[in-house]
PDB file of N, CA and C in Angstrom:
ATOM      1  N   MET A   1       0.818  -1.170  -0.014  1.00  0.00           N
ATOM      2  CA  MET A   1       0.011   0.022   0.021  1.00  0.00           C
ATOM      3  C   MET A   1       0.867   1.247  -0.021  1.00  0.00           C
ATOM      4  N   THR A   2       0.652   2.170  -0.908  1.00  0.00           N
ATOM      5  CA  THR A   2       1.439   3.395  -0.951  1.00  0.00           C
ATOM      6  C   THR A   2       1.061   4.301   0.230  1.00  0.00           C
ATOM      7  N   LYS A   3       1.942   5.313   0.487  1.00  0.00           N
ATOM      8  CA  LYS A   3       1.694   6.220   1.589  1.00  0.00           C
ATOM      9  C   LYS A   3       0.382   7.013   1.332  1.00  0.00           C
ATOM     10  N   GLU A   4       0.161   7.402   0.098  1.00  0.00           N
ATOM     11  CA  GLU A   4      -1.014   8.136  -0.250  1.00  0.00           C
ATOM     12  C   GLU A   4      -2.299   7.257  -0.051  1.00  0.00           C
ATOM     13  N   THR A   5      -2.260   5.992  -0.467  1.00  0.00           N
ATOM     14  CA  THR A   5      -3.377   5.048  -0.261  1.00  0.00           C
ATOM     15  C   THR A   5      -3.603   4.886   1.238  1.00  0.00           C
ATOM     16  N   SER A   6      -2.557   4.808   2.015  1.00  0.00           N
ATOM     17  CA  SER A   6      -2.691   4.649   3.470  1.00  0.00           C
ATOM     18  C   SER A   6      -3.332   5.952   4.089  1.00  0.00           C
ATOM     19  N   GLU A   7      -2.967   7.069   3.593  1.00  0.00           N
ATOM     20  CA  GLU A   7      -3.566   8.310   4.067  1.00  0.00           C
ATOM     21  C   GLU A   7      -5.042   8.361   3.682  1.00  0.00           C
ATOM     22  N   LYS A   8      -5.426   7.959   2.504  1.00  0.00           N
ATOM     23  CA  LYS A   8      -6.824   7.967   2.029  1.00  0.00           C
ATOM     24  C   LYS A   8      -7.685   7.035   2.976  1.00  0.00           C
ATOM     25  N   LYS A   9      -7.139   5.902   3.285  1.00  0.00           N
ATOM     26  CA  LYS A   9      -7.806   4.966   4.113  1.00  0.00           C
ATOM     27  C   LYS A   9      -8.015   5.553   5.551  1.00  0.00           C
ATOM     28  N   ALA A  10      -6.951   6.149   6.065  1.00  0.00           N
ATOM     29  CA  ALA A  10      -7.056   6.770   7.410  1.00  0.00           C
ATOM     30  C   ALA A  10      -8.062   7.880   7.408  1.00  0.00           C
ATOM     31  N   ILE A  11      -8.131   8.716   6.364  1.00  0.00           N
ATOM     32  CA  ILE A  11      -9.083   9.780   6.283  1.00  0.00           C
ATOM     33  C   ILE A  11     -10.498   9.239   6.225  1.00  0.00           C
ATOM     34  N   LYS A  12     -10.721   8.230   5.334  1.00  0.00           N
ATOM     35  CA  LYS A  12     -12.084   7.632   5.208  1.00  0.00           C
ATOM     36  C   LYS A  12     -12.509   7.019   6.585  1.00  0.00           C
ATOM     37  N   ASP A  13     -11.605   6.321   7.227  1.00  0.00           N
ATOM     38  CA  ASP A  13     -11.948   5.759   8.577  1.00  0.00           C
ATOM     39  C   ASP A  13     -12.301   6.807   9.553  1.00  0.00           C
ATOM     40  N   TYR A  14     -11.540   7.848   9.610  1.00  0.00           N
ATOM     41  CA  TYR A  14     -11.769   8.967  10.536  1.00  0.00           C
ATOM     42  C   TYR A  14     -13.127   9.636  10.303  1.00  0.00           C
ATOM     43  N   LEU A  15     -13.460   9.910   9.002  1.00  0.00           N
ATOM     44  CA  LEU A  15     -14.705  10.515   8.643  1.00  0.00           C
ATOM     45  C   LEU A  15     -15.849   9.622   8.938  1.00  0.00           C
ATOM     46  N   LYS A  16     -15.695   8.361   8.770  1.00  0.00           N
ATOM     47  CA  LYS A  16     -16.815   7.449   9.136  1.00  0.00           C
ATOM     48  C   LYS A  16     -17.079   7.468  10.630  1.00  0.00           C
ATOM     49  N   ILE A  17     -16.048   7.546  11.467  1.00  0.00           N
ATOM     50  CA  ILE A  17     -16.165   7.657  12.892  1.00  0.00           C
ATOM     51  C   ILE A  17     -16.912   8.971  13.232  1.00  0.00           C
ATOM     52  N   LYS A  18     -16.582  10.010  12.522  1.00  0.00           N
ATOM     53  CA  LYS A  18     -17.298  11.314  12.755  1.00  0.00           C
ATOM     54  C   LYS A  18     -18.686  11.341  12.213  1.00  0.00           C
ATOM     55  N   ARG A  19     -19.105  10.213  11.487  1.00  0.00           N
ATOM     56  CA  ARG A  19     -20.389  10.080  10.959  1.00  0.00           C
ATOM     57  C   ARG A  19     -20.612  11.072   9.742  1.00  0.00           C
ATOM     58  N   ALA A  20     -19.526  11.335   9.045  1.00  0.00           N
ATOM     59  CA  ALA A  20     -19.574  12.133   7.821  1.00  0.00           C
ATOM     60  C   ALA A  20     -19.991  11.218   6.655  1.00  0.00           C
ATOM     61  N   PHE A  21     -20.586  11.812   5.667  1.00  0.00           N
ATOM     62  CA  PHE A  21     -20.851  11.120   4.416  1.00  0.00           C
ATOM     63  C   PHE A  21     -19.635  11.328   3.517  1.00  0.00           C
ATOM     64  N   VAL A  22     -18.978  10.290   3.063  1.00  0.00           N
ATOM     65  CA  VAL A  22     -17.673  10.428   2.303  1.00  0.00           C
ATOM     66  C   VAL A  22     -17.674   9.497   1.165  1.00  0.00           C
ATOM     67  N   TYR A  23     -17.211   9.930   0.033  1.00  0.00           N
ATOM     68  CA  TYR A  23     -17.029   8.982  -1.084  1.00  0.00           C
ATOM     69  C   TYR A  23     -15.739   9.399  -1.859  1.00  0.00           C
ATOM     70  N   HIS A  24     -15.263   8.383  -2.563  1.00  0.00           N
ATOM     71  CA  HIS A  24     -14.064   8.523  -3.392  1.00  0.00           C
ATOM     72  C   HIS A  24     -14.492   8.989  -4.778  1.00  0.00           C
ATOM     73  N   ASN A  25     -13.839   9.981  -5.282  1.00  0.00           N
ATOM     74  CA  ASN A  25     -14.041  10.446  -6.651  1.00  0.00           C
ATOM     75  C   ASN A  25     -13.117   9.712  -7.636  1.00  0.00           C
ATOM     76  N   LEU A  26     -13.715   9.050  -8.608  1.00  0.00           N
ATOM     77  CA  LEU A  26     -12.904   8.343  -9.573  1.00  0.00           C
ATOM     78  C   LEU A  26     -12.478   9.253 -10.671  1.00  0.00           C
ATOM     79  N   ALA A  27     -11.212   9.179 -11.051  1.00  0.00           N
ATOM     80  CA  ALA A  27     -10.661  10.020 -12.165  1.00  0.00           C
ATOM     81  C   ALA A  27     -10.770   9.152 -13.428  1.00  0.00           C
ATOM     82  N   GLY A  28     -10.807   9.848 -14.501  1.00  0.00           N
ATOM     83  CA  GLY A  28     -10.838   9.114 -15.819  1.00  0.00           C
ATOM     84  C   GLY A  28     -11.417   9.984 -16.892  1.00  0.00           C
ATOM     85  N   LEU A  29     -11.609   9.411 -17.952  1.00  0.00           N
ATOM     86  CA  LEU A  29     -12.164  10.072 -19.178  1.00  0.00           C
ATOM     87  C   LEU A  29     -13.584  10.629 -18.876  1.00  0.00           C
ATOM     88  N   GLY A  30     -13.768  11.909 -19.120  1.00  0.00           N
ATOM     89  CA  GLY A  30     -15.047  12.503 -18.932  1.00  0.00           C
ATOM     90  C   GLY A  30     -15.308  13.067 -17.522  1.00  0.00           C
ATOM     91  N   VAL A  31     -14.308  12.899 -16.641  1.00  0.00           N
ATOM     92  CA  VAL A  31     -14.421  13.395 -15.304  1.00  0.00           C
ATOM     93  C   VAL A  31     -13.874  14.821 -15.221  1.00  0.00           C
ATOM     94  N   PHE A  32     -14.491  15.644 -14.363  1.00  0.00           N
ATOM     95  CA  PHE A  32     -14.019  17.042 -14.204  1.00  0.00           C
ATOM     96  C   PHE A  32     -12.530  17.053 -13.925  1.00  0.00           C
ATOM     97  N   ARG A  33     -11.784  17.793 -14.718  1.00  0.00           N
ATOM     98  CA  ARG A  33     -10.330  17.834 -14.500  1.00  0.00           C
ATOM     99  C   ARG A  33      -9.984  18.431 -13.129  1.00  0.00           C
ATOM    100  N   GLY A  34      -9.033  17.782 -12.474  1.00  0.00           N
ATOM    101  CA  GLY A  34      -8.531  18.275 -11.206  1.00  0.00           C
ATOM    102  C   GLY A  34      -9.431  17.897 -10.001  1.00  0.00           C
ATOM    103  N   ILE A  35     -10.421  17.117 -10.261  1.00  0.00           N
ATOM    104  CA  ILE A  35     -11.342  16.746  -9.090  1.00  0.00           C
ATOM    105  C   ILE A  35     -10.553  16.045  -8.021  1.00  0.00           C
ATOM    106  N   PRO A  36     -10.818  16.442  -6.762  1.00  0.00           N
ATOM    107  CA  PRO A  36     -10.026  15.878  -5.651  1.00  0.00           C
ATOM    108  C   PRO A  36     -10.400  14.383  -5.417  1.00  0.00           C
ATOM    109  N   ASP A  37      -9.566  13.749  -4.562  1.00  0.00           N
ATOM    110  CA  ASP A  37      -9.732  12.351  -4.326  1.00  0.00           C
ATOM    111  C   ASP A  37     -11.054  11.962  -3.587  1.00  0.00           C
ATOM    112  N   LEU A  38     -11.400  12.808  -2.619  1.00  0.00           N
ATOM    113  CA  LEU A  38     -12.527  12.495  -1.806  1.00  0.00           C
ATOM    114  C   LEU A  38     -13.480  13.731  -1.692  1.00  0.00           C
ATOM    115  N   THR A  39     -14.759  13.429  -1.555  1.00  0.00           N
ATOM    116  CA  THR A  39     -15.781  14.423  -1.177  1.00  0.00           C
ATOM    117  C   THR A  39     -16.379  13.995   0.136  1.00  0.00           C
ATOM    118  N   ALA A  40     -16.545  14.938   1.057  1.00  0.00           N
ATOM    119  CA  ALA A  40     -17.155  14.598   2.364  1.00  0.00           C
ATOM    120  C   ALA A  40     -18.179  15.701   2.705  1.00  0.00           C
ATOM    121  N   ILE A  41     -19.269  15.297   3.326  1.00  0.00           N
ATOM    122  CA  ILE A  41     -20.228  16.184   3.916  1.00  0.00           C
ATOM    123  C   ILE A  41     -20.278  15.886   5.381  1.00  0.00           C
ATOM    124  N   TYR A  42     -20.037  17.000   6.125  1.00  0.00           N
ATOM    125  CA  TYR A  42     -20.058  16.878   7.597  1.00  0.00           C
ATOM    126  C   TYR A  42     -20.719  18.115   8.192  1.00  0.00           C
ATOM    127  N   GLN A  43     -21.731  17.886   8.964  1.00  0.00           N
ATOM    128  CA  GLN A  43     -22.503  19.000   9.639  1.00  0.00           C
ATOM    129  C   GLN A  43     -22.865  20.093   8.668  1.00  0.00           C
ATOM    130  N   GLY A  44     -23.405  19.621   7.506  1.00  0.00           N
ATOM    131  CA  GLY A  44     -23.955  20.557   6.565  1.00  0.00           C
ATOM    132  C   GLY A  44     -22.912  21.268   5.647  1.00  0.00           C
ATOM    133  N   LYS A  45     -21.655  20.934   5.781  1.00  0.00           N
ATOM    134  CA  LYS A  45     -20.604  21.543   4.965  1.00  0.00           C
ATOM    135  C   LYS A  45     -20.030  20.479   4.033  1.00  0.00           C
ATOM    136  N   VAL A  46     -19.702  20.958   2.777  1.00  0.00           N
ATOM    137  CA  VAL A  46     -19.138  19.998   1.793  1.00  0.00           C
ATOM    138  C   VAL A  46     -17.612  20.306   1.678  1.00  0.00           C
ATOM    139  N   TYR A  47     -16.878  19.266   1.781  1.00  0.00           N
ATOM    140  CA  TYR A  47     -15.392  19.365   1.741  1.00  0.00           C
ATOM    141  C   TYR A  47     -14.854  18.542   0.517  1.00  0.00           C
ATOM    142  N   GLN A  48     -13.950  19.163  -0.181  1.00  0.00           N
ATOM    143  CA  GLN A  48     -13.215  18.427  -1.197  1.00  0.00           C
ATOM    144  C   GLN A  48     -11.841  18.217  -0.627  1.00  0.00           C
ATOM    145  N   ILE A  49     -11.374  16.928  -0.713  1.00  0.00           N
ATOM    146  CA  ILE A  49     -10.133  16.553  -0.082  1.00  0.00           C
ATOM    147  C   ILE A  49      -9.194  15.986  -1.102  1.00  0.00           C
ATOM    148  N   GLU A  50      -8.044  16.650  -1.379  1.00  0.00           N
ATOM    149  CA  GLU A  50      -7.018  16.151  -2.264  1.00  0.00           C
ATOM    150  C   GLU A  50      -5.939  15.600  -1.353  1.00  0.00           C
ATOM    151  N   VAL A  51      -5.790  14.256  -1.384  1.00  0.00           N
ATOM    152  CA  VAL A  51      -4.854  13.583  -0.519  1.00  0.00           C
ATOM    153  C   VAL A  51      -3.474  13.620  -1.142  1.00  0.00           C
ATOM    154  N   LYS A  52      -2.512  14.062  -0.348  1.00  0.00           N
ATOM    155  CA  LYS A  52      -1.072  14.083  -0.795  1.00  0.00           C
ATOM    156  C   LYS A  52      -0.252  13.545   0.328  1.00  0.00           C
ATOM    157  N   ALA A  53       0.653  12.641   0.043  1.00  0.00           N
ATOM    158  CA  ALA A  53       1.629  12.213   1.037  1.00  0.00           C
ATOM    159  C   ALA A  53       2.685  13.322   1.079  1.00  0.00           C
ATOM    160  N   THR A  54       3.523  13.206   2.104  1.00  0.00           N
ATOM    161  CA  THR A  54       4.629  14.257   2.284  1.00  0.00           C
ATOM    162  C   THR A  54       5.364  14.346   0.969  1.00  0.00           C
ATOM    163  N   GLY A  55       5.568  15.579   0.557  1.00  0.00           N
ATOM    164  CA  GLY A  55       6.301  15.821  -0.680  1.00  0.00           C
ATOM    165  C   GLY A  55       5.434  15.827  -1.930  1.00  0.00           C
ATOM    166  N   GLY A  56       4.233  15.359  -1.900  1.00  0.00           N
ATOM    167  CA  GLY A  56       3.333  15.328  -3.027  1.00  0.00           C
ATOM    168  C   GLY A  56       2.924  16.759  -3.481  1.00  0.00           C
ATOM    169  N   ARG A  57       2.696  16.901  -4.768  1.00  0.00           N
ATOM    170  CA  ARG A  57       2.374  18.183  -5.282  1.00  0.00           C
ATOM    171  C   ARG A  57       1.058  18.138  -6.150  1.00  0.00           C
ATOM    172  N   GLN A  58       0.314  19.210  -6.128  1.00  0.00           N
ATOM    173  CA  GLN A  58      -0.902  19.316  -6.934  1.00  0.00           C
ATOM    174  C   GLN A  58      -0.533  19.564  -8.398  1.00  0.00           C
ATOM    175  N   SER A  59      -1.348  18.963  -9.302  1.00  0.00           N
ATOM    176  CA  SER A  59      -1.217  19.304 -10.692  1.00  0.00           C
ATOM    177  C   SER A  59      -1.842  20.718 -10.965  1.00  0.00           C
ATOM    178  N   GLU A  60      -1.553  21.253 -12.103  1.00  0.00           N
ATOM    179  CA  GLU A  60      -2.209  22.541 -12.414  1.00  0.00           C
ATOM    180  C   GLU A  60      -3.712  22.459 -12.454  1.00  0.00           C
ATOM    181  N   ASN A  61      -4.237  21.339 -12.951  1.00  0.00           N
ATOM    182  CA  ASN A  61      -5.716  21.160 -12.964  1.00  0.00           C
ATOM    183  C   ASN A  61      -6.247  21.118 -11.527  1.00  0.00           C
ATOM    184  N   GLN A  62      -5.522  20.520 -10.638  1.00  0.00           N
ATOM    185  CA  GLN A  62      -5.988  20.458  -9.212  1.00  0.00           C
ATOM    186  C   GLN A  62      -5.867  21.823  -8.567  1.00  0.00           C
ATOM    187  N   LYS A  63      -4.936  22.612  -8.894  1.00  0.00           N
ATOM    188  CA  LYS A  63      -4.841  24.027  -8.395  1.00  0.00           C
ATOM    189  C   LYS A  63      -5.991  24.804  -8.912  1.00  0.00           C
ATOM    190  N   GLU A  64      -6.338  24.657 -10.202  1.00  0.00           N
ATOM    191  CA  GLU A  64      -7.470  25.404 -10.791  1.00  0.00           C
ATOM    192  C   GLU A  64      -8.786  24.993 -10.067  1.00  0.00           C
ATOM    193  N   PHE A  65      -8.979  23.712  -9.904  1.00  0.00           N
ATOM    194  CA  PHE A  65     -10.200  23.208  -9.222  1.00  0.00           C
ATOM    195  C   PHE A  65     -10.240  23.825  -7.832  1.00  0.00           C
ATOM    196  N   GLN A  66      -9.164  23.775  -7.090  1.00  0.00           N
ATOM    197  CA  GLN A  66      -9.165  24.315  -5.711  1.00  0.00           C
ATOM    198  C   GLN A  66      -9.597  25.850  -5.738  1.00  0.00           C
ATOM    199  N   ALA A  67      -8.981  26.612  -6.630  1.00  0.00           N
ATOM    200  CA  ALA A  67      -9.290  28.004  -6.782  1.00  0.00           C
ATOM    201  C   ALA A  67     -10.733  28.261  -7.058  1.00  0.00           C
ATOM    202  N   ASP A  68     -11.297  27.483  -8.010  1.00  0.00           N
ATOM    203  CA  ASP A  68     -12.700  27.633  -8.390  1.00  0.00           C
ATOM    204  C   ASP A  68     -13.614  27.225  -7.244  1.00  0.00           C
ATOM    205  N   TRP A  69     -13.242  26.125  -6.566  1.00  0.00           N
ATOM    206  CA  TRP A  69     -14.050  25.665  -5.448  1.00  0.00           C
ATOM    207  C   TRP A  69     -14.088  26.666  -4.283  1.00  0.00           C
ATOM    208  N   GLU A  70     -12.945  27.179  -3.922  1.00  0.00           N
ATOM    209  CA  GLU A  70     -12.875  28.117  -2.849  1.00  0.00           C
ATOM    210  C   GLU A  70     -13.459  29.456  -3.215  1.00  0.00           C
ATOM    211  N   ASN A  71     -13.374  29.910  -4.481  1.00  0.00           N
ATOM    212  CA  ASN A  71     -13.957  31.121  -4.965  1.00  0.00           C
ATOM    213  C   ASN A  71     -15.503  31.092  -4.871  1.00  0.00           C
ATOM    214  N   HIS A  72     -16.035  29.839  -4.872  1.00  0.00           N
ATOM    215  CA  HIS A  72     -17.475  29.703  -4.721  1.00  0.00           C
ATOM    216  C   HIS A  72     -17.906  29.338  -3.367  1.00  0.00           C
ATOM    217  N   GLY A  73     -16.973  29.514  -2.374  1.00  0.00           N
ATOM    218  CA  GLY A  73     -17.318  29.330  -0.967  1.00  0.00           C
ATOM    219  C   GLY A  73     -17.095  27.899  -0.456  1.00  0.00           C
ATOM    220  N   GLY A  74     -16.527  27.010  -1.266  1.00  0.00           N
ATOM    221  CA  GLY A  74     -16.284  25.644  -0.851  1.00  0.00           C
ATOM    222  C   GLY A  74     -15.060  25.502   0.031  1.00  0.00           C
ATOM    223  N   ILE A  75     -15.036  24.409   0.756  1.00  0.00           N
ATOM    224  CA  ILE A  75     -13.876  24.147   1.672  1.00  0.00           C
ATOM    225  C   ILE A  75     -13.039  23.013   1.035  1.00  0.00           C
ATOM    226  N   TYR A  76     -11.789  23.319   0.863  1.00  0.00           N
ATOM    227  CA  TYR A  76     -10.816  22.372   0.125  1.00  0.00           C
ATOM    228  C   TYR A  76      -9.725  22.116   1.116  1.00  0.00           C
ATOM    229  N   ILE A  77      -9.440  20.771   1.278  1.00  0.00           N
ATOM    230  CA  ILE A  77      -8.396  20.338   2.156  1.00  0.00           C
ATOM    231  C   ILE A  77      -7.276  19.709   1.313  1.00  0.00           C
ATOM    232  N   LEU A  78      -6.111  20.062   1.470  1.00  0.00           N
ATOM    233  CA  LEU A  78      -4.934  19.545   0.760  1.00  0.00           C
ATOM    234  C   LEU A  78      -4.034  18.895   1.793  1.00  0.00           C
ATOM    235  N   GLY A  79      -3.763  17.596   1.713  1.00  0.00           N
ATOM    236  CA  GLY A  79      -2.838  16.970   2.643  1.00  0.00           C
ATOM    237  C   GLY A  79      -3.295  15.593   3.005  1.00  0.00           C
ATOM    238  N   GLY A  80      -3.018  15.208   4.235  1.00  0.00           N
ATOM    239  CA  GLY A  80      -3.338  13.868   4.711  1.00  0.00           C
ATOM    240  C   GLY A  80      -4.236  13.971   5.914  1.00  0.00           C
ATOM    241  N   ILE A  81      -4.205  12.909   6.730  1.00  0.00           N
ATOM    242  CA  ILE A  81      -5.064  12.754   7.865  1.00  0.00           C
ATOM    243  C   ILE A  81      -4.904  13.897   8.868  1.00  0.00           C
ATOM    244  N   ASP A  82      -3.694  14.366   9.086  1.00  0.00           N
ATOM    245  CA  ASP A  82      -3.437  15.464  10.017  1.00  0.00           C
ATOM    246  C   ASP A  82      -4.211  16.724   9.625  1.00  0.00           C
ATOM    247  N   GLU A  83      -4.136  17.056   8.345  1.00  0.00           N
ATOM    248  CA  GLU A  83      -4.851  18.245   7.845  1.00  0.00           C
ATOM    249  C   GLU A  83      -6.384  18.099   7.955  1.00  0.00           C
ATOM    250  N   VAL A  84      -6.823  16.903   7.670  1.00  0.00           N
ATOM    251  CA  VAL A  84      -8.263  16.648   7.734  1.00  0.00           C
ATOM    252  C   VAL A  84      -8.792  16.801   9.192  1.00  0.00           C
ATOM    253  N   MET A  85      -7.999  16.207  10.123  1.00  0.00           N
ATOM    254  CA  MET A  85      -8.349  16.201  11.526  1.00  0.00           C
ATOM    255  C   MET A  85      -8.314  17.649  12.089  1.00  0.00           C
ATOM    256  N   GLU A  86      -7.400  18.451  11.607  1.00  0.00           N
ATOM    257  CA  GLU A  86      -7.278  19.858  11.983  1.00  0.00           C
ATOM    258  C   GLU A  86      -8.532  20.693  11.610  1.00  0.00           C
ATOM    259  N   ILE A  87      -9.087  20.375  10.378  1.00  0.00           N
ATOM    260  CA  ILE A  87     -10.200  21.150   9.878  1.00  0.00           C
ATOM    261  C   ILE A  87     -11.519  20.568  10.289  1.00  0.00           C
ATOM    262  N   ILE A  88     -11.641  19.260  10.218  1.00  0.00           N
ATOM    263  CA  ILE A  88     -12.886  18.592  10.599  1.00  0.00           C
ATOM    264  C   ILE A  88     -12.688  17.955  11.978  1.00  0.00           C
ATOM    265  N   LYS A  89     -13.103  18.699  12.951  1.00  0.00           N
ATOM    266  CA  LYS A  89     -12.894  18.276  14.353  1.00  0.00           C
ATOM    267  C   LYS A  89     -14.104  17.645  14.894  1.00  0.00           C
TER     268      LYS A  89
END
């Protein structure tokens, strides 16, 4: 299991404990470019979560998605379990 896959699992497990609704976004042909790895809804707020292991970097499409999402009032989390736990307490 890669470090990023391990982070995704830890995040999904944590969000399930918090009773958040969470699902994995599949990338591929026809999918919105730059879409984050996970979408979570917790206490009426929608979070987009781009999981990156230490040293991981966003693609340009991911940066554009983040900017658009945040410009429309969305909450975007970049990082791993520590970042998710800091924002979704």
